[in-house]
Amino acid sequence: MLIWVQIASCTHWLIETETRIQAENETDKEIYNLSLVSESGKIEVLIPDIIKEGERSRVYKSQWVGKFDFAVFSEDSRFDLGRYELKGGMVLVQIREENGEFLLKFR
């Protein structure tokens, strides 16, 4: 996220490198550990909460900005969610299920 800042007679462009992220569970299952997955398969948990049906996680701060592969866990299984971009700022990730697949929507 680019932020325009004007201080006195100087102007600057700042790039926000912090992401504040919250997940909302729109499925009928309990989900947990919204994670980033590296190309080598290493998992970095972004949101460590257990999120019940219809609930939201707490808000977490991270320095993650860029394109990442996401995964979420439910019923002892990992569900890959695809590649998405985090641009910094406040992000609400809505997780829903269609035809047995988990999907992400960013707001």
C-alpha atoms as a PDB file:
ATOM      1  CA  MET A   1       0.000   0.000   0.000  1.00  0.00           C
ATOM      2  CA  LEU A   2       1.438   3.362  -0.982  1.00  0.00           C
ATOM      3  CA  ILE A   3       0.786   6.257   1.357  1.00  0.00           C
ATOM      4  CA  TRP A   4       1.155   9.906   0.333  1.00  0.00           C
ATOM      5  CA  VAL A   5       2.595  12.055   3.106  1.00  0.00           C
ATOM      6  CA  GLN A   6       3.072  15.812   3.030  1.00  0.00           C
ATOM      7  CA  ILE A   7       5.103  17.354   5.829  1.00  0.00           C
ATOM      8  CA  ALA A   8       5.491  21.142   5.722  1.00  0.00           C
ATOM      9  CA  SER A   9       6.804  21.856   2.230  1.00  0.00           C
ATOM     10  CA  CYS A  10       8.263  18.357   1.670  1.00  0.00           C
ATOM     11  CA  THR A  11       6.371  15.448   0.131  1.00  0.00           C
ATOM     12  CA  HIS A  12       7.215  11.754   0.378  1.00  0.00           C
ATOM     13  CA  TRP A  13       5.843   8.415  -0.783  1.00  0.00           C
ATOM     14  CA  LEU A  14       5.937   5.722   1.876  1.00  0.00           C
ATOM     15  CA  ILE A  15       5.395   2.014   1.314  1.00  0.00           C
ATOM     16  CA  GLU A  16       3.578   0.296   4.147  1.00  0.00           C
ATOM     17  CA  THR A  17       5.388  -2.941   4.941  1.00  0.00           C
ATOM     18  CA  GLU A  18       3.243  -4.117   7.838  1.00  0.00           C
ATOM     19  CA  THR A  19       0.126  -6.191   7.281  1.00  0.00           C
ATOM     20  CA  ARG A  20      -2.599  -6.390   9.913  1.00  0.00           C
ATOM     21  CA  ILE A  21      -4.663  -9.448   9.078  1.00  0.00           C
ATOM     22  CA  GLN A  22      -7.851 -11.022  10.410  1.00  0.00           C
ATOM     23  CA  ALA A  23      -9.655 -14.136   9.122  1.00  0.00           C
ATOM     24  CA  GLU A  24     -13.397 -14.776   9.023  1.00  0.00           C
ATOM     25  CA  ASN A  25     -14.685 -18.360   8.844  1.00  0.00           C
ATOM     26  CA  GLU A  26     -17.660 -18.566   6.476  1.00  0.00           C
ATOM     27  CA  THR A  27     -17.587 -22.379   6.363  1.00  0.00           C
ATOM     28  CA  ASP A  28     -19.581 -24.845   8.444  1.00  0.00           C
ATOM     29  CA  LYS A  29     -16.345 -26.353   9.805  1.00  0.00           C
ATOM     30  CA  GLU A  30     -13.856 -25.307  12.458  1.00  0.00           C
ATOM     31  CA  ILE A  31     -10.646 -24.066  10.806  1.00  0.00           C
ATOM     32  CA  TYR A  32      -7.237 -23.202  12.194  1.00  0.00           C
ATOM     33  CA  ASN A  33      -3.715 -22.023  11.350  1.00  0.00           C
ATOM     34  CA  LEU A  34      -4.145 -19.826   8.278  1.00  0.00           C
ATOM     35  CA  SER A  35      -0.632 -20.214   6.884  1.00  0.00           C
ATOM     36  CA  LEU A  36       1.815 -19.173   4.190  1.00  0.00           C
ATOM     37  CA  VAL A  37       3.452 -22.050   2.308  1.00  0.00           C
ATOM     38  CA  SER A  38       6.887 -21.685   0.697  1.00  0.00           C
ATOM     39  CA  GLU A  39       7.906 -23.347  -2.573  1.00  0.00           C
ATOM     40  CA  SER A  40       9.865 -25.900  -0.522  1.00  0.00           C
ATOM     41  CA  GLY A  41       6.723 -26.730   1.494  1.00  0.00           C
ATOM     42  CA  LYS A  42       7.725 -24.928   4.686  1.00  0.00           C
ATOM     43  CA  ILE A  43       4.683 -23.610   6.561  1.00  0.00           C
ATOM     44  CA  GLU A  44       4.659 -20.237   8.354  1.00  0.00           C
ATOM     45  CA  VAL A  45       1.508 -19.792  10.455  1.00  0.00           C
ATOM     46  CA  LEU A  46       0.053 -16.328   9.864  1.00  0.00           C
ATOM     47  CA  ILE A  47      -3.045 -16.663  12.086  1.00  0.00           C
ATOM     48  CA  PRO A  48      -2.656 -19.354  14.795  1.00  0.00           C
ATOM     49  CA  ASP A  49      -6.270 -19.169  16.032  1.00  0.00           C
ATOM     50  CA  ILE A  50      -8.917 -21.862  15.947  1.00  0.00           C
ATOM     51  CA  ILE A  51     -11.827 -20.118  14.222  1.00  0.00           C
ATOM     52  CA  LYS A  52     -15.289 -21.579  14.708  1.00  0.00           C
ATOM     53  CA  GLU A  53     -18.079 -21.380  12.139  1.00  0.00           C
ATOM     54  CA  GLY A  54     -19.177 -17.769  11.575  1.00  0.00           C
ATOM     55  CA  GLU A  55     -16.469 -16.277  13.809  1.00  0.00           C
ATOM     56  CA  ARG A  56     -13.417 -14.080  13.223  1.00  0.00           C
ATOM     57  CA  SER A  57      -9.868 -14.478  14.451  1.00  0.00           C
ATOM     58  CA  ARG A  58      -7.970 -11.871  16.396  1.00  0.00           C
ATOM     59  CA  VAL A  59      -6.015  -9.312  14.373  1.00  0.00           C
ATOM     60  CA  TYR A  60      -2.364 -10.205  13.841  1.00  0.00           C
ATOM     61  CA  LYS A  61       0.506  -8.012  12.634  1.00  0.00           C
ATOM     62  CA  SER A  62       3.214  -9.270  10.316  1.00  0.00           C
ATOM     63  CA  GLN A  63       5.903  -7.961   8.005  1.00  0.00           C
ATOM     64  CA  TRP A  64       4.635 -10.119   5.125  1.00  0.00           C
ATOM     65  CA  VAL A  65       4.086  -8.100   1.939  1.00  0.00           C
ATOM     66  CA  GLY A  66       4.155  -9.814  -1.472  1.00  0.00           C
ATOM     67  CA  LYS A  67       2.634 -12.840  -3.245  1.00  0.00           C
ATOM     68  CA  PHE A  68       2.253 -15.997  -1.192  1.00  0.00           C
ATOM     69  CA  ASP A  69       0.653 -19.441  -1.321  1.00  0.00           C
ATOM     70  CA  PHE A  70      -1.914 -19.850   1.455  1.00  0.00           C
ATOM     71  CA  ALA A  71      -3.229 -22.916   3.291  1.00  0.00           C
ATOM     72  CA  VAL A  72      -5.670 -23.552   6.110  1.00  0.00           C
ATOM     73  CA  PHE A  73      -6.269 -26.594   8.290  1.00  0.00           C
ATOM     74  CA  SER A  74      -9.538 -28.300   9.205  1.00  0.00           C
ATOM     75  CA  GLU A  75     -10.316 -31.739  10.614  1.00  0.00           C
ATOM     76  CA  ASP A  76      -6.611 -32.733  10.585  1.00  0.00           C
ATOM     77  CA  SER A  77      -6.279 -31.931   6.854  1.00  0.00           C
ATOM     78  CA  ARG A  78      -4.439 -29.167   5.029  1.00  0.00           C
ATOM     79  CA  PHE A  79      -6.323 -27.271   2.334  1.00  0.00           C
ATOM     80  CA  ASP A  80      -4.260 -25.285  -0.171  1.00  0.00           C
ATOM     81  CA  LEU A  81      -5.947 -22.000  -1.047  1.00  0.00           C
ATOM     82  CA  GLY A  82      -3.853 -20.674  -3.929  1.00  0.00           C
ATOM     83  CA  ARG A  83      -1.551 -17.689  -4.403  1.00  0.00           C
ATOM     84  CA  TYR A  84      -2.595 -14.220  -3.260  1.00  0.00           C
ATOM     85  CA  GLU A  85      -0.903 -10.882  -2.717  1.00  0.00           C
ATOM     86  CA  LEU A  86      -0.580  -9.086   0.615  1.00  0.00           C
ATOM     87  CA  LYS A  87      -0.091  -5.356  -0.001  1.00  0.00           C
ATOM     88  CA  GLY A  88       0.174  -4.150   3.587  1.00  0.00           C
ATOM     89  CA  GLY A  89      -2.406  -2.310   5.644  1.00  0.00           C
ATOM     90  CA  MET A  90      -5.490  -3.904   7.214  1.00  0.00           C
ATOM     91  CA  VAL A  91      -6.749  -7.081   5.518  1.00  0.00           C
ATOM     92  CA  LEU A  92      -9.838  -9.185   6.222  1.00  0.00           C
ATOM     93  CA  VAL A  93      -9.564 -12.679   4.750  1.00  0.00           C
ATOM     94  CA  GLN A  94     -12.901 -14.427   4.313  1.00  0.00           C
ATOM     95  CA  ILE A  95     -12.630 -18.215   4.065  1.00  0.00           C
ATOM     96  CA  ARG A  96     -15.550 -20.082   2.532  1.00  0.00           C
ATOM     97  CA  GLU A  97     -16.169 -23.547   1.142  1.00  0.00           C
ATOM     98  CA  GLU A  98     -17.678 -24.413  -2.246  1.00  0.00           C
ATOM     99  CA  ASN A  99     -17.956 -27.941  -3.627  1.00  0.00           C
ATOM    100  CA  GLY A 100     -15.545 -29.287  -1.011  1.00  0.00           C
ATOM    101  CA  GLU A 101     -12.876 -26.637  -1.734  1.00  0.00           C
ATOM    102  CA  PHE A 102     -11.836 -23.838   0.577  1.00  0.00           C
ATOM    103  CA  LEU A 103     -11.625 -20.408  -1.074  1.00  0.00           C
ATOM    104  CA  LEU A 104     -10.233 -17.034   0.040  1.00  0.00           C
ATOM    105  CA  LYS A 105     -11.656 -13.581  -0.538  1.00  0.00           C
ATOM    106  CA  PHE A 106      -9.750 -10.477   0.564  1.00  0.00           C
ATOM    107  CA  ARG A 107     -11.524  -7.322   1.738  1.00  0.00           C
END
